[in-house]
Amino acid sequence: MDDELRGARFTGRDMTGAEFRDVVLSGVRMRGVLLDGADIDGLIDGLRVNGVDVAPLVEAELDRRHPERRALRPTTVEGAREAWAVVEGFWAPTVERARALPDAERHRSVEDEWSFVQTLRHLVFVTDAWIRHAVLGEARPYHPAGLVADFMDNAPDLGIDPTAAPSFDEVVALRADRFARVRAFLDSADQAELDRVREPGPVPGYPPPAARTALSCLRIVLSEEWEHHRFAVRDLDRLAPGGSSLTR
């Protein structure tokens, strides 16, 4: 990621209509700004607006709108199993909704975001990374058709094919396999297994080596599942007949 604007200062600039995509804004200070009609979507923590920490307010409102989110922060093995059932439950009708679309629409990008198929491919990678590699200790679990985040430049080192173009049905099958793997792990795990700290594995990969519990890794996967499902539903609404979108 290019860091040439670290510490930059913008004074008296008109950025009306500007778009910031996949940028790091940690520690940014804005003073005397006009933020009328702005739309911010991302990881928000410690953001103060006019002296108010807004992150807890945003999280509370999201929980109110989407009560299933509360189940996705488990602390027990029973809660973890329930959380995974919630994830499988909200994805099932969404995948069927996408299945009813023409195939080209399932591969279409909305406003330069990932297509529906690309979103599912990324979640295959997320499961491979955070469950199969970080939790189960598999050395090279990454499927070639997985899709890494844009900031990662080591996909070929992981055995991922940047030119892969799997079909919708192929990706849905990969997802079903990953759902079953996580379900099988949780069905056999007890609380001690979820809370046990796993030391960094001997084989490099992603996520970067660190001591982690299975529960902490699972909660990352649950968060990714919910966020990307939100994006997928948003974009399916725009792709639906009568929806309004900028697509390519």
C-alpha atoms as a PDB file:
ATOM      1  CA  MET A   1       0.000   0.000   0.000  1.00  0.00           C
ATOM      2  CA  ASP A   2       1.400   3.384  -1.037  1.00  0.00           C
ATOM      3  CA  ASP A   3       2.218   5.524   2.013  1.00  0.00           C
ATOM      4  CA  GLU A   4       3.178   8.742   0.193  1.00  0.00           C
ATOM      5  CA  LEU A   5       0.306  10.677   1.840  1.00  0.00           C
ATOM      6  CA  ARG A   6       1.166   9.705   5.420  1.00  0.00           C
ATOM      7  CA  GLY A   7       1.173  12.846   7.514  1.00  0.00           C
ATOM      8  CA  ALA A   8      -0.097  14.952   4.597  1.00  0.00           C
ATOM      9  CA  ARG A   9      -2.015  18.121   5.366  1.00  0.00           C
ATOM     10  CA  PHE A  10      -4.920  19.370   3.277  1.00  0.00           C
ATOM     11  CA  THR A  11      -5.991  22.956   3.944  1.00  0.00           C
ATOM     12  CA  GLY A  12      -8.605  24.955   2.079  1.00  0.00           C
ATOM     13  CA  ARG A  13      -9.303  22.115  -0.376  1.00  0.00           C
ATOM     14  CA  ASP A  14     -12.678  21.305  -1.912  1.00  0.00           C
ATOM     15  CA  MET A  15     -13.076  17.502  -1.926  1.00  0.00           C
ATOM     16  CA  THR A  16     -16.776  17.481  -2.753  1.00  0.00           C
ATOM     17  CA  GLY A  17     -17.646  14.140  -4.324  1.00  0.00           C
ATOM     18  CA  ALA A  18     -14.216  12.631  -3.614  1.00  0.00           C
ATOM     19  CA  GLU A  19     -14.039   8.868  -3.134  1.00  0.00           C
ATOM     20  CA  PHE A  20     -11.638   7.079  -0.780  1.00  0.00           C
ATOM     21  CA  ARG A  21     -11.489   3.328  -1.356  1.00  0.00           C
ATOM     22  CA  ASP A  22      -9.275   0.850   0.531  1.00  0.00           C
ATOM     23  CA  VAL A  23      -7.367   3.633   2.282  1.00  0.00           C
ATOM     24  CA  VAL A  24      -6.038   3.750   5.842  1.00  0.00           C
ATOM     25  CA  LEU A  25      -7.359   6.783   7.750  1.00  0.00           C
ATOM     26  CA  SER A  26      -6.127   5.814  11.231  1.00  0.00           C
ATOM     27  CA  GLY A  27      -5.305   8.860  13.336  1.00  0.00           C
ATOM     28  CA  VAL A  28      -6.727  11.310  10.777  1.00  0.00           C
ATOM     29  CA  ARG A  29      -7.743  14.673  12.257  1.00  0.00           C
ATOM     30  CA  MET A  30     -10.386  16.822  10.618  1.00  0.00           C
ATOM     31  CA  ARG A  31     -11.033  20.347  11.860  1.00  0.00           C
ATOM     32  CA  GLY A  32     -13.571  22.835  10.570  1.00  0.00           C
ATOM     33  CA  VAL A  33     -14.809  20.414   7.936  1.00  0.00           C
ATOM     34  CA  LEU A  34     -18.157  20.336   6.166  1.00  0.00           C
ATOM     35  CA  LEU A  35     -19.259  16.694   6.206  1.00  0.00           C
ATOM     36  CA  ASP A  36     -22.723  17.031   4.704  1.00  0.00           C
ATOM     37  CA  GLY A  37     -24.212  13.900   3.129  1.00  0.00           C
ATOM     38  CA  ALA A  38     -21.012  11.862   3.548  1.00  0.00           C
ATOM     39  CA  ASP A  39     -21.234   8.051   3.511  1.00  0.00           C
ATOM     40  CA  ILE A  40     -18.635   6.096   5.504  1.00  0.00           C
ATOM     41  CA  ASP A  41     -18.432   2.315   5.431  1.00  0.00           C
ATOM     42  CA  GLY A  42     -15.585   0.447   7.111  1.00  0.00           C
ATOM     43  CA  LEU A  43     -13.938  -0.562  10.366  1.00  0.00           C
ATOM     44  CA  ILE A  44     -14.703   2.277  12.774  1.00  0.00           C
ATOM     45  CA  ASP A  45     -13.143   2.347  16.223  1.00  0.00           C
ATOM     46  CA  GLY A  46     -12.359   5.397  18.337  1.00  0.00           C
ATOM     47  CA  LEU A  47     -13.916   7.838  15.854  1.00  0.00           C
ATOM     48  CA  ARG A  48     -14.949  11.039  17.606  1.00  0.00           C
ATOM     49  CA  VAL A  49     -17.371  13.433  15.958  1.00  0.00           C
ATOM     50  CA  ASN A  50     -17.669  16.762  17.750  1.00  0.00           C
ATOM     51  CA  GLY A  51     -16.201  15.147  20.843  1.00  0.00           C
ATOM     52  CA  VAL A  52     -18.478  12.090  20.802  1.00  0.00           C
ATOM     53  CA  ASP A  53     -17.104   8.564  20.322  1.00  0.00           C
ATOM     54  CA  VAL A  54     -19.536   7.332  17.690  1.00  0.00           C
ATOM     55  CA  ALA A  55     -18.355   3.729  17.291  1.00  0.00           C
ATOM     56  CA  PRO A  56     -20.440   2.382  20.230  1.00  0.00           C
ATOM     57  CA  LEU A  57     -23.472   4.256  18.896  1.00  0.00           C
ATOM     58  CA  VAL A  58     -23.020   2.736  15.434  1.00  0.00           C
ATOM     59  CA  GLU A  59     -22.598  -0.764  16.881  1.00  0.00           C
ATOM     60  CA  ALA A  60     -25.696  -0.397  19.055  1.00  0.00           C
ATOM     61  CA  GLU A  61     -27.780   0.798  16.115  1.00  0.00           C
ATOM     62  CA  LEU A  62     -26.553  -2.072  13.931  1.00  0.00           C
ATOM     63  CA  ASP A  63     -27.507  -4.524  16.695  1.00  0.00           C
ATOM     64  CA  ARG A  64     -30.953  -2.929  16.864  1.00  0.00           C
ATOM     65  CA  ARG A  65     -31.465  -3.213  13.124  1.00  0.00           C
ATOM     66  CA  HIS A  66     -29.898  -6.663  12.869  1.00  0.00           C
ATOM     67  CA  PRO A  67     -30.538  -8.608  16.097  1.00  0.00           C
ATOM     68  CA  GLU A  68     -28.722 -11.664  14.703  1.00  0.00           C
ATOM     69  CA  ARG A  69     -25.443  -9.778  15.190  1.00  0.00           C
ATOM     70  CA  ARG A  70     -25.661 -10.352  18.938  1.00  0.00           C
ATOM     71  CA  ALA A  71     -25.360 -14.096  18.375  1.00  0.00           C
ATOM     72  CA  LEU A  72     -22.152 -13.595  16.378  1.00  0.00           C
ATOM     73  CA  ARG A  73     -20.025 -12.670  19.389  1.00  0.00           C
ATOM     74  CA  PRO A  74     -19.998 -16.037  21.182  1.00  0.00           C
ATOM     75  CA  THR A  75     -18.024 -16.817  24.334  1.00  0.00           C
ATOM     76  CA  THR A  76     -19.034 -20.466  24.782  1.00  0.00           C
ATOM     77  CA  VAL A  77     -18.937 -23.547  22.592  1.00  0.00           C
ATOM     78  CA  GLU A  78     -22.738 -23.668  22.584  1.00  0.00           C
ATOM     79  CA  GLY A  79     -22.831 -20.040  21.513  1.00  0.00           C
ATOM     80  CA  ALA A  80     -20.279 -20.735  18.793  1.00  0.00           C
ATOM     81  CA  ARG A  81     -22.430 -23.515  17.355  1.00  0.00           C
ATOM     82  CA  GLU A  82     -25.471 -21.256  17.438  1.00  0.00           C
ATOM     83  CA  ALA A  83     -23.526 -18.465  15.748  1.00  0.00           C
ATOM     84  CA  TRP A  84     -22.427 -20.724  12.910  1.00  0.00           C
ATOM     85  CA  ALA A  85     -26.005 -21.901  12.420  1.00  0.00           C
ATOM     86  CA  VAL A  86     -27.039 -18.237  12.167  1.00  0.00           C
ATOM     87  CA  VAL A  87     -24.423 -17.645   9.463  1.00  0.00           C
ATOM     88  CA  GLU A  88     -25.527 -20.660   7.441  1.00  0.00           C
ATOM     89  CA  GLY A  89     -29.126 -19.558   7.932  1.00  0.00           C
ATOM     90  CA  PHE A  90     -28.762 -16.057   6.534  1.00  0.00           C
ATOM     91  CA  TRP A  91     -26.588 -17.113   3.596  1.00  0.00           C
ATOM     92  CA  ALA A  92     -28.872 -19.901   2.338  1.00  0.00           C
ATOM     93  CA  PRO A  93     -31.717 -17.699   1.014  1.00  0.00           C
ATOM     94  CA  THR A  94     -29.245 -15.112  -0.282  1.00  0.00           C
ATOM     95  CA  VAL A  95     -27.425 -17.704  -2.385  1.00  0.00           C
ATOM     96  CA  GLU A  96     -30.759 -18.918  -3.747  1.00  0.00           C
ATOM     97  CA  ARG A  97     -31.682 -15.336  -4.565  1.00  0.00           C
ATOM     98  CA  ALA A  98     -28.436 -14.991  -6.531  1.00  0.00           C
ATOM     99  CA  ARG A  99     -29.051 -18.352  -8.226  1.00  0.00           C
ATOM    100  CA  ALA A 100     -32.236 -16.916  -9.734  1.00  0.00           C
ATOM    101  CA  LEU A 101     -30.278 -14.157 -11.493  1.00  0.00           C
ATOM    102  CA  PRO A 102     -28.715 -14.485 -14.941  1.00  0.00           C
ATOM    103  CA  ASP A 103     -25.159 -15.759 -14.563  1.00  0.00           C
ATOM    104  CA  ALA A 104     -23.675 -12.505 -15.840  1.00  0.00           C
ATOM    105  CA  GLU A 105     -25.333 -10.641 -12.982  1.00  0.00           C
ATOM    106  CA  ARG A 106     -23.744 -12.939 -10.403  1.00  0.00           C
ATOM    107  CA  HIS A 107     -20.354 -11.939 -11.820  1.00  0.00           C
ATOM    108  CA  ARG A 108     -21.172  -8.250 -12.177  1.00  0.00           C
ATOM    109  CA  SER A 109     -19.520  -5.606 -10.008  1.00  0.00           C
ATOM    110  CA  VAL A 110     -21.633  -2.889  -8.419  1.00  0.00           C
ATOM    111  CA  GLU A 111     -19.835   0.434  -8.012  1.00  0.00           C
ATOM    112  CA  ASP A 112     -16.415  -1.242  -8.280  1.00  0.00           C
ATOM    113  CA  GLU A 113     -17.112  -3.618  -5.389  1.00  0.00           C
ATOM    114  CA  TRP A 114     -16.666  -7.372  -5.595  1.00  0.00           C
ATOM    115  CA  SER A 115     -19.304  -9.282  -7.528  1.00  0.00           C
ATOM    116  CA  PHE A 116     -21.456 -11.809  -5.693  1.00  0.00           C
ATOM    117  CA  VAL A 117     -19.230 -14.677  -6.845  1.00  0.00           C
ATOM    118  CA  GLN A 118     -16.093 -12.787  -5.824  1.00  0.00           C
ATOM    119  CA  THR A 119     -17.574 -12.175  -2.382  1.00  0.00           C
ATOM    120  CA  LEU A 120     -18.133 -15.905  -1.912  1.00  0.00           C
ATOM    121  CA  ARG A 121     -14.607 -16.609  -3.145  1.00  0.00           C
ATOM    122  CA  HIS A 122     -13.203 -14.227  -0.554  1.00  0.00           C
ATOM    123  CA  LEU A 123     -15.131 -15.969   2.210  1.00  0.00           C
ATOM    124  CA  VAL A 124     -13.668 -19.299   1.075  1.00  0.00           C
ATOM    125  CA  PHE A 125     -10.255 -17.737   1.655  1.00  0.00           C
ATOM    126  CA  VAL A 126     -11.335 -16.333   5.034  1.00  0.00           C
ATOM    127  CA  THR A 127     -12.328 -19.811   6.241  1.00  0.00           C
ATOM    128  CA  ASP A 128      -9.167 -21.368   4.845  1.00  0.00           C
ATOM    129  CA  ALA A 129      -7.023 -18.742   6.580  1.00  0.00           C
ATOM    130  CA  TRP A 130      -8.655 -18.267   9.971  1.00  0.00           C
ATOM    131  CA  ILE A 131     -10.049 -21.766  10.583  1.00  0.00           C
ATOM    132  CA  ARG A 132      -8.085 -24.285   8.549  1.00  0.00           C
ATOM    133  CA  HIS A 133      -4.688 -22.562   8.914  1.00  0.00           C
ATOM    134  CA  ALA A 134      -4.880 -20.590  12.185  1.00  0.00           C
ATOM    135  CA  VAL A 135      -7.084 -22.999  14.167  1.00  0.00           C
ATOM    136  CA  LEU A 136      -6.628 -26.446  12.638  1.00  0.00           C
ATOM    137  CA  GLY A 137      -2.979 -25.936  11.757  1.00  0.00           C
ATOM    138  CA  GLU A 138      -3.229 -27.028   8.125  1.00  0.00           C
ATOM    139  CA  ALA A 139      -0.062 -25.909   6.364  1.00  0.00           C
ATOM    140  CA  ARG A 140      -1.412 -25.025   2.912  1.00  0.00           C
ATOM    141  CA  PRO A 141      -5.203 -24.982   3.073  1.00  0.00           C
ATOM    142  CA  TYR A 142      -5.829 -22.162   0.611  1.00  0.00           C
ATOM    143  CA  HIS A 143      -7.934 -23.092  -2.388  1.00  0.00           C
ATOM    144  CA  PRO A 144      -6.579 -21.666  -5.679  1.00  0.00           C
ATOM    145  CA  ALA A 145      -9.959 -20.036  -6.391  1.00  0.00           C
ATOM    146  CA  GLY A 146     -10.007 -18.140  -3.100  1.00  0.00           C
ATOM    147  CA  LEU A 147      -9.865 -14.373  -3.310  1.00  0.00           C
ATOM    148  CA  VAL A 148      -7.636 -12.338  -1.012  1.00  0.00           C
ATOM    149  CA  ALA A 149      -8.167  -8.759   0.121  1.00  0.00           C
ATOM    150  CA  ASP A 150      -6.821  -6.090  -2.190  1.00  0.00           C
ATOM    151  CA  PHE A 151      -4.040  -5.098   0.221  1.00  0.00           C
ATOM    152  CA  MET A 152      -2.472  -8.579   0.057  1.00  0.00           C
ATOM    153  CA  ASP A 153       0.156  -9.071  -2.613  1.00  0.00           C
ATOM    154  CA  ASN A 154       1.274 -12.597  -1.706  1.00  0.00           C
ATOM    155  CA  ALA A 155      -1.626 -14.607  -3.125  1.00  0.00           C
ATOM    156  CA  PRO A 156       0.617 -16.697  -5.432  1.00  0.00           C
ATOM    157  CA  ASP A 157       2.827 -17.567  -2.449  1.00  0.00           C
ATOM    158  CA  LEU A 158      -0.248 -19.067  -0.775  1.00  0.00           C
ATOM    159  CA  GLY A 159      -1.098 -21.156  -3.816  1.00  0.00           C
ATOM    160  CA  ILE A 160      -3.963 -18.876  -4.853  1.00  0.00           C
ATOM    161  CA  ASP A 161      -4.422 -18.281  -8.569  1.00  0.00           C
ATOM    162  CA  PRO A 162      -5.022 -14.570  -9.313  1.00  0.00           C
ATOM    163  CA  THR A 163      -6.400 -15.526 -12.738  1.00  0.00           C
ATOM    164  CA  ALA A 164      -8.940 -18.040 -11.408  1.00  0.00           C
ATOM    165  CA  ALA A 165     -12.460 -17.629 -12.772  1.00  0.00           C
ATOM    166  CA  PRO A 166     -14.610 -20.322 -11.148  1.00  0.00           C
ATOM    167  CA  SER A 167     -18.287 -20.650 -11.933  1.00  0.00           C
ATOM    168  CA  PHE A 168     -21.050 -19.759  -9.512  1.00  0.00           C
ATOM    169  CA  ASP A 169     -21.830 -23.433  -8.897  1.00  0.00           C
ATOM    170  CA  GLU A 170     -18.160 -24.250  -8.255  1.00  0.00           C
ATOM    171  CA  VAL A 171     -17.888 -21.497  -5.662  1.00  0.00           C
ATOM    172  CA  VAL A 172     -21.157 -22.469  -3.994  1.00  0.00           C
ATOM    173  CA  ALA A 173     -19.795 -26.006  -3.676  1.00  0.00           C
ATOM    174  CA  LEU A 174     -16.588 -24.690  -2.099  1.00  0.00           C
ATOM    175  CA  ARG A 175     -18.646 -22.693   0.369  1.00  0.00           C
ATOM    176  CA  ALA A 176     -20.732 -25.740   1.281  1.00  0.00           C
ATOM    177  CA  ASP A 177     -17.530 -27.651   1.965  1.00  0.00           C
ATOM    178  CA  ARG A 178     -16.179 -24.872   4.217  1.00  0.00           C
ATOM    179  CA  PHE A 179     -19.476 -24.599   6.080  1.00  0.00           C
ATOM    180  CA  ALA A 180     -19.337 -28.343   6.749  1.00  0.00           C
ATOM    181  CA  ARG A 181     -15.712 -28.184   7.936  1.00  0.00           C
ATOM    182  CA  VAL A 182     -16.424 -25.442  10.466  1.00  0.00           C
ATOM    183  CA  ARG A 183     -19.591 -27.181  11.615  1.00  0.00           C
ATOM    184  CA  ALA A 184     -17.691 -30.446  12.129  1.00  0.00           C
ATOM    185  CA  PHE A 185     -14.991 -28.685  14.144  1.00  0.00           C
ATOM    186  CA  LEU A 186     -17.536 -26.968  16.398  1.00  0.00           C
ATOM    187  CA  ASP A 187     -19.560 -30.161  16.832  1.00  0.00           C
ATOM    188  CA  SER A 188     -16.486 -31.969  18.158  1.00  0.00           C
ATOM    189  CA  ALA A 189     -14.942 -29.079  20.133  1.00  0.00           C
ATOM    190  CA  ASP A 190     -15.400 -28.385  23.830  1.00  0.00           C
ATOM    191  CA  GLN A 191     -14.835 -25.155  25.726  1.00  0.00           C
ATOM    192  CA  ALA A 192     -11.205 -25.990  26.437  1.00  0.00           C
ATOM    193  CA  GLU A 193     -10.558 -26.491  22.729  1.00  0.00           C
ATOM    194  CA  LEU A 194     -12.038 -23.088  21.895  1.00  0.00           C
ATOM    195  CA  ASP A 195     -10.092 -21.321  24.659  1.00  0.00           C
ATOM    196  CA  ARG A 196      -6.748 -23.065  24.100  1.00  0.00           C
ATOM    197  CA  VAL A 197      -4.065 -20.696  22.850  1.00  0.00           C
ATOM    198  CA  ARG A 198      -2.529 -21.956  19.635  1.00  0.00           C
ATOM    199  CA  GLU A 199       1.076 -20.987  19.094  1.00  0.00           C
ATOM    200  CA  PRO A 200       2.178 -19.728  15.675  1.00  0.00           C
ATOM    201  CA  GLY A 201       2.445 -22.522  13.139  1.00  0.00           C
ATOM    202  CA  PRO A 202       5.783 -23.497  11.610  1.00  0.00           C
ATOM    203  CA  VAL A 203       4.632 -22.846   8.024  1.00  0.00           C
ATOM    204  CA  PRO A 204       4.161 -19.185   6.999  1.00  0.00           C
ATOM    205  CA  GLY A 205       0.837 -18.159   5.581  1.00  0.00           C
ATOM    206  CA  TYR A 206      -2.103 -15.953   6.397  1.00  0.00           C
ATOM    207  CA  PRO A 207      -3.008 -14.731   8.956  1.00  0.00           C
ATOM    208  CA  PRO A 208       0.473 -13.676  10.072  1.00  0.00           C
ATOM    209  CA  PRO A 209       1.908 -15.910  12.829  1.00  0.00           C
ATOM    210  CA  ALA A 210       0.586 -15.091  16.313  1.00  0.00           C
ATOM    211  CA  ALA A 211      -0.733 -16.830  19.405  1.00  0.00           C
ATOM    212  CA  ARG A 212      -4.519 -17.040  19.069  1.00  0.00           C
ATOM    213  CA  THR A 213      -7.453 -18.975  20.461  1.00  0.00           C
ATOM    214  CA  ALA A 214      -9.893 -20.786  18.213  1.00  0.00           C
ATOM    215  CA  LEU A 215     -12.677 -18.609  19.614  1.00  0.00           C
ATOM    216  CA  SER A 216     -10.914 -15.380  18.633  1.00  0.00           C
ATOM    217  CA  CYS A 217     -10.342 -16.714  15.106  1.00  0.00           C
ATOM    218  CA  LEU A 218     -13.941 -17.855  14.824  1.00  0.00           C
ATOM    219  CA  ARG A 219     -15.220 -14.442  15.850  1.00  0.00           C
ATOM    220  CA  ILE A 220     -13.172 -12.865  13.045  1.00  0.00           C
ATOM    221  CA  VAL A 221     -14.753 -15.268  10.565  1.00  0.00           C
ATOM    222  CA  LEU A 222     -18.228 -14.553  11.937  1.00  0.00           C
ATOM    223  CA  SER A 223     -17.653 -10.819  11.556  1.00  0.00           C
ATOM    224  CA  GLU A 224     -16.423 -11.275   7.983  1.00  0.00           C
ATOM    225  CA  GLU A 225     -19.424 -13.438   7.155  1.00  0.00           C
ATOM    226  CA  TRP A 226     -21.902 -10.880   8.452  1.00  0.00           C
ATOM    227  CA  GLU A 227     -20.238  -7.853   6.866  1.00  0.00           C
ATOM    228  CA  HIS A 228     -19.883  -9.462   3.447  1.00  0.00           C
ATOM    229  CA  HIS A 229     -23.417 -10.772   3.595  1.00  0.00           C
ATOM    230  CA  ARG A 230     -24.540  -7.188   4.192  1.00  0.00           C
ATOM    231  CA  PHE A 231     -22.573  -6.057   1.142  1.00  0.00           C
ATOM    232  CA  ALA A 232     -23.951  -8.919  -0.948  1.00  0.00           C
ATOM    233  CA  VAL A 233     -27.570  -8.148  -0.074  1.00  0.00           C
ATOM    234  CA  ARG A 234     -26.995  -4.451  -0.750  1.00  0.00           C
ATOM    235  CA  ASP A 235     -25.634  -5.209  -4.207  1.00  0.00           C
ATOM    236  CA  LEU A 236     -28.304  -7.796  -5.034  1.00  0.00           C
ATOM    237  CA  ASP A 237     -30.895  -5.113  -4.284  1.00  0.00           C
ATOM    238  CA  ARG A 238     -29.197  -2.887  -6.849  1.00  0.00           C
ATOM    239  CA  LEU A 239     -28.969  -5.666  -9.435  1.00  0.00           C
ATOM    240  CA  ALA A 240     -32.635  -6.568  -9.053  1.00  0.00           C
ATOM    241  CA  PRO A 241     -35.069  -5.332 -11.700  1.00  0.00           C
ATOM    242  CA  GLY A 242     -35.744  -1.687 -10.977  1.00  0.00           C
ATOM    243  CA  GLY A 243     -32.639  -1.384  -8.809  1.00  0.00           C
ATOM    244  CA  SER A 244     -30.337   1.586  -9.293  1.00  0.00           C
ATOM    245  CA  SER A 245     -26.612   0.938  -9.602  1.00  0.00           C
ATOM    246  CA  LEU A 246     -23.404   1.736 -11.398  1.00  0.00           C
ATOM    247  CA  THR A 247     -22.163  -1.629 -12.600  1.00  0.00           C
ATOM    248  CA  ARG A 248     -19.475  -3.070 -14.776  1.00  0.00           C
END
